[in-house]
Amino acid sequence: AATLPDGFTFAESKVVDKSLTDNYEHSDILRLTLTRQDEFLLKEEQVKTVTFSTEEGDMGVFAGHQYKIAKLKPSAISVEYADGTEKKYFTSGGFAHVNNEGSCD
């Protein structure tokens, strides 16, 4: 019998279901989780904004953004921190999951 490599076990704790109907307090901080295949690059990192390209066009996400799931195009993901510093990552595709309670996966 074949067994999965250890790297696949992280997926069990990756996504937490969040209610679309609950009322959440507005936050000025966006919590960003950024993953690649079997590891976290950022996990609930507090950021000012994140910008990426989707099939519908470029999208910027701040805290308080409405709920949205978008298919990512191969492009840079730009992360801006509260102190103004910026870090860029590259994605070959995937999905952005923007939650209405102030987080983005």
C-alpha atoms as a PDB file:
ATOM      1  CA  ALA A   1       0.000   0.000   0.000  1.00  0.00           C
ATOM      2  CA  ALA A   2       1.253   3.490  -0.902  1.00  0.00           C
ATOM      3  CA  THR A   3       1.494   6.238   1.710  1.00  0.00           C
ATOM      4  CA  LEU A   4       1.393   9.992   1.219  1.00  0.00           C
ATOM      5  CA  PRO A   5       4.538  12.018   1.950  1.00  0.00           C
ATOM      6  CA  ASP A   6       4.524  13.913   5.261  1.00  0.00           C
ATOM      7  CA  GLY A   7       4.147  17.258   3.438  1.00  0.00           C
ATOM      8  CA  PHE A   8       0.473  16.613   2.787  1.00  0.00           C
ATOM      9  CA  THR A   9      -0.540  16.567   6.440  1.00  0.00           C
ATOM     10  CA  PHE A  10      -0.471  20.381   6.715  1.00  0.00           C
ATOM     11  CA  ALA A  11      -3.676  20.677   4.681  1.00  0.00           C
ATOM     12  CA  GLU A  12      -5.769  19.447   7.605  1.00  0.00           C
ATOM     13  CA  SER A  13      -5.223  22.733   9.479  1.00  0.00           C
ATOM     14  CA  LYS A  14      -4.853  25.100   6.511  1.00  0.00           C
ATOM     15  CA  VAL A  15      -8.395  26.381   6.033  1.00  0.00           C
ATOM     16  CA  VAL A  16     -10.852  27.283   8.763  1.00  0.00           C
ATOM     17  CA  ASP A  17     -14.514  27.548   7.799  1.00  0.00           C
ATOM     18  CA  LYS A  18     -15.883  31.023   8.455  1.00  0.00           C
ATOM     19  CA  SER A  19     -19.517  32.017   8.458  1.00  0.00           C
ATOM     20  CA  LEU A  20     -20.701  34.272   5.650  1.00  0.00           C
ATOM     21  CA  THR A  21     -23.681  35.474   7.689  1.00  0.00           C
ATOM     22  CA  ASP A  22     -22.001  36.360  11.007  1.00  0.00           C
ATOM     23  CA  ASN A  23     -21.412  40.021  11.765  1.00  0.00           C
ATOM     24  CA  TYR A  24     -17.737  40.857  12.270  1.00  0.00           C
ATOM     25  CA  GLU A  25     -16.193  43.978  13.725  1.00  0.00           C
ATOM     26  CA  HIS A  26     -14.331  46.040  11.134  1.00  0.00           C
ATOM     27  CA  SER A  27     -10.574  45.708  11.472  1.00  0.00           C
ATOM     28  CA  ASP A  28      -7.903  48.039  10.090  1.00  0.00           C
ATOM     29  CA  ILE A  29      -5.521  45.083   9.740  1.00  0.00           C
ATOM     30  CA  LEU A  30      -5.699  42.440   7.034  1.00  0.00           C
ATOM     31  CA  ARG A  31      -4.489  38.970   8.059  1.00  0.00           C
ATOM     32  CA  LEU A  32      -2.832  37.231   5.098  1.00  0.00           C
ATOM     33  CA  THR A  33      -2.127  33.523   4.735  1.00  0.00           C
ATOM     34  CA  LEU A  34      -0.021  32.618   1.717  1.00  0.00           C
ATOM     35  CA  THR A  35       0.801  28.988   0.946  1.00  0.00           C
ATOM     36  CA  ARG A  36       2.593  26.971  -1.666  1.00  0.00           C
ATOM     37  CA  GLN A  37       1.896  23.290  -2.162  1.00  0.00           C
ATOM     38  CA  ASP A  38       3.005  21.939   1.210  1.00  0.00           C
ATOM     39  CA  GLU A  39       4.117  24.918   3.302  1.00  0.00           C
ATOM     40  CA  PHE A  40       3.057  28.297   4.648  1.00  0.00           C
ATOM     41  CA  LEU A  41       4.940  31.329   3.333  1.00  0.00           C
ATOM     42  CA  LEU A  42       2.836  33.645   5.523  1.00  0.00           C
ATOM     43  CA  LYS A  43       0.348  32.517   8.185  1.00  0.00           C
ATOM     44  CA  GLU A  44      -2.148  35.099   9.494  1.00  0.00           C
ATOM     45  CA  GLU A  45       0.515  37.787   8.830  1.00  0.00           C
ATOM     46  CA  GLN A  46      -0.773  41.297   9.587  1.00  0.00           C
ATOM     47  CA  VAL A  47      -0.504  43.433   6.441  1.00  0.00           C
ATOM     48  CA  LYS A  48      -1.916  46.702   5.123  1.00  0.00           C
ATOM     49  CA  THR A  49      -2.873  45.431   1.662  1.00  0.00           C
ATOM     50  CA  VAL A  50      -2.280  42.660  -0.861  1.00  0.00           C
ATOM     51  CA  THR A  51      -2.518  43.056  -4.655  1.00  0.00           C
ATOM     52  CA  PHE A  52      -2.718  40.274  -7.250  1.00  0.00           C
ATOM     53  CA  SER A  53      -3.961  39.553 -10.791  1.00  0.00           C
ATOM     54  CA  THR A  54      -7.127  37.522 -11.325  1.00  0.00           C
ATOM     55  CA  GLU A  55      -9.026  36.284 -14.367  1.00  0.00           C
ATOM     56  CA  GLU A  56     -11.263  39.374 -13.890  1.00  0.00           C
ATOM     57  CA  GLY A  57      -8.369  41.860 -13.652  1.00  0.00           C
ATOM     58  CA  ASP A  58      -6.057  43.247 -10.967  1.00  0.00           C
ATOM     59  CA  MET A  59      -7.415  43.204  -7.424  1.00  0.00           C
ATOM     60  CA  GLY A  60      -6.311  45.059  -4.305  1.00  0.00           C
ATOM     61  CA  VAL A  61      -7.508  43.839  -0.917  1.00  0.00           C
ATOM     62  CA  PHE A  62      -7.618  45.928   2.262  1.00  0.00           C
ATOM     63  CA  ALA A  63      -9.129  45.009   5.629  1.00  0.00           C
ATOM     64  CA  GLY A  64     -12.930  45.065   5.405  1.00  0.00           C
ATOM     65  CA  HIS A  65     -13.062  43.877   1.778  1.00  0.00           C
ATOM     66  CA  GLN A  66     -16.232  42.023   0.789  1.00  0.00           C
ATOM     67  CA  TYR A  67     -16.230  38.230   0.532  1.00  0.00           C
ATOM     68  CA  LYS A  68     -14.754  37.030  -2.770  1.00  0.00           C
ATOM     69  CA  ILE A  69     -13.134  33.982  -4.329  1.00  0.00           C
ATOM     70  CA  ALA A  70     -11.019  34.745  -7.392  1.00  0.00           C
ATOM     71  CA  LYS A  71      -8.916  32.611  -9.734  1.00  0.00           C
ATOM     72  CA  LEU A  72      -5.324  33.876  -9.823  1.00  0.00           C
ATOM     73  CA  LYS A  73      -3.388  34.407 -13.039  1.00  0.00           C
ATOM     74  CA  PRO A  74       0.358  33.741 -13.212  1.00  0.00           C
ATOM     75  CA  SER A  75       1.760  37.002 -11.837  1.00  0.00           C
ATOM     76  CA  ALA A  76       3.305  38.779  -8.867  1.00  0.00           C
ATOM     77  CA  ILE A  77       1.529  38.999  -5.521  1.00  0.00           C
ATOM     78  CA  SER A  78       2.440  42.282  -3.845  1.00  0.00           C
ATOM     79  CA  VAL A  79       2.173  42.539  -0.046  1.00  0.00           C
ATOM     80  CA  GLU A  80       2.398  45.939   1.652  1.00  0.00           C
ATOM     81  CA  TYR A  81       3.004  46.120   5.398  1.00  0.00           C
ATOM     82  CA  ALA A  82       1.796  48.861   7.780  1.00  0.00           C
ATOM     83  CA  ASP A  83       5.276  50.436   7.874  1.00  0.00           C
ATOM     84  CA  GLY A  84       5.224  50.877   4.069  1.00  0.00           C
ATOM     85  CA  THR A  85       7.630  48.057   3.213  1.00  0.00           C
ATOM     86  CA  GLU A  86       6.611  45.824   0.338  1.00  0.00           C
ATOM     87  CA  LYS A  87       7.405  42.217  -0.472  1.00  0.00           C
ATOM     88  CA  LYS A  88       6.603  40.391  -3.719  1.00  0.00           C
ATOM     89  CA  TYR A  89       5.905  36.736  -4.394  1.00  0.00           C
ATOM     90  CA  PHE A  90       5.174  34.969  -7.676  1.00  0.00           C
ATOM     91  CA  THR A  91       2.259  32.635  -8.317  1.00  0.00           C
ATOM     92  CA  SER A  92       1.737  30.322 -11.256  1.00  0.00           C
ATOM     93  CA  GLY A  93      -1.999  30.240 -10.437  1.00  0.00           C
ATOM     94  CA  GLY A  94      -4.411  29.179  -7.720  1.00  0.00           C
ATOM     95  CA  PHE A  95      -7.209  30.934  -5.855  1.00  0.00           C
ATOM     96  CA  ALA A  96      -7.551  33.942  -3.566  1.00  0.00           C
ATOM     97  CA  HIS A  97     -10.145  33.554  -0.819  1.00  0.00           C
ATOM     98  CA  VAL A  98     -11.059  36.933   0.684  1.00  0.00           C
ATOM     99  CA  ASN A  99     -13.093  36.570   3.875  1.00  0.00           C
ATOM    100  CA  ASN A 100     -15.501  39.197   5.192  1.00  0.00           C
ATOM    101  CA  GLU A 101     -13.932  39.073   8.673  1.00  0.00           C
ATOM    102  CA  GLY A 102     -10.566  40.581   7.701  1.00  0.00           C
ATOM    103  CA  SER A 103      -8.490  37.702   6.367  1.00  0.00           C
ATOM    104  CA  CYS A 104      -7.270  36.565   2.975  1.00  0.00           C
ATOM    105  CA  ASP A 105      -5.989  33.098   2.052  1.00  0.00           C
END
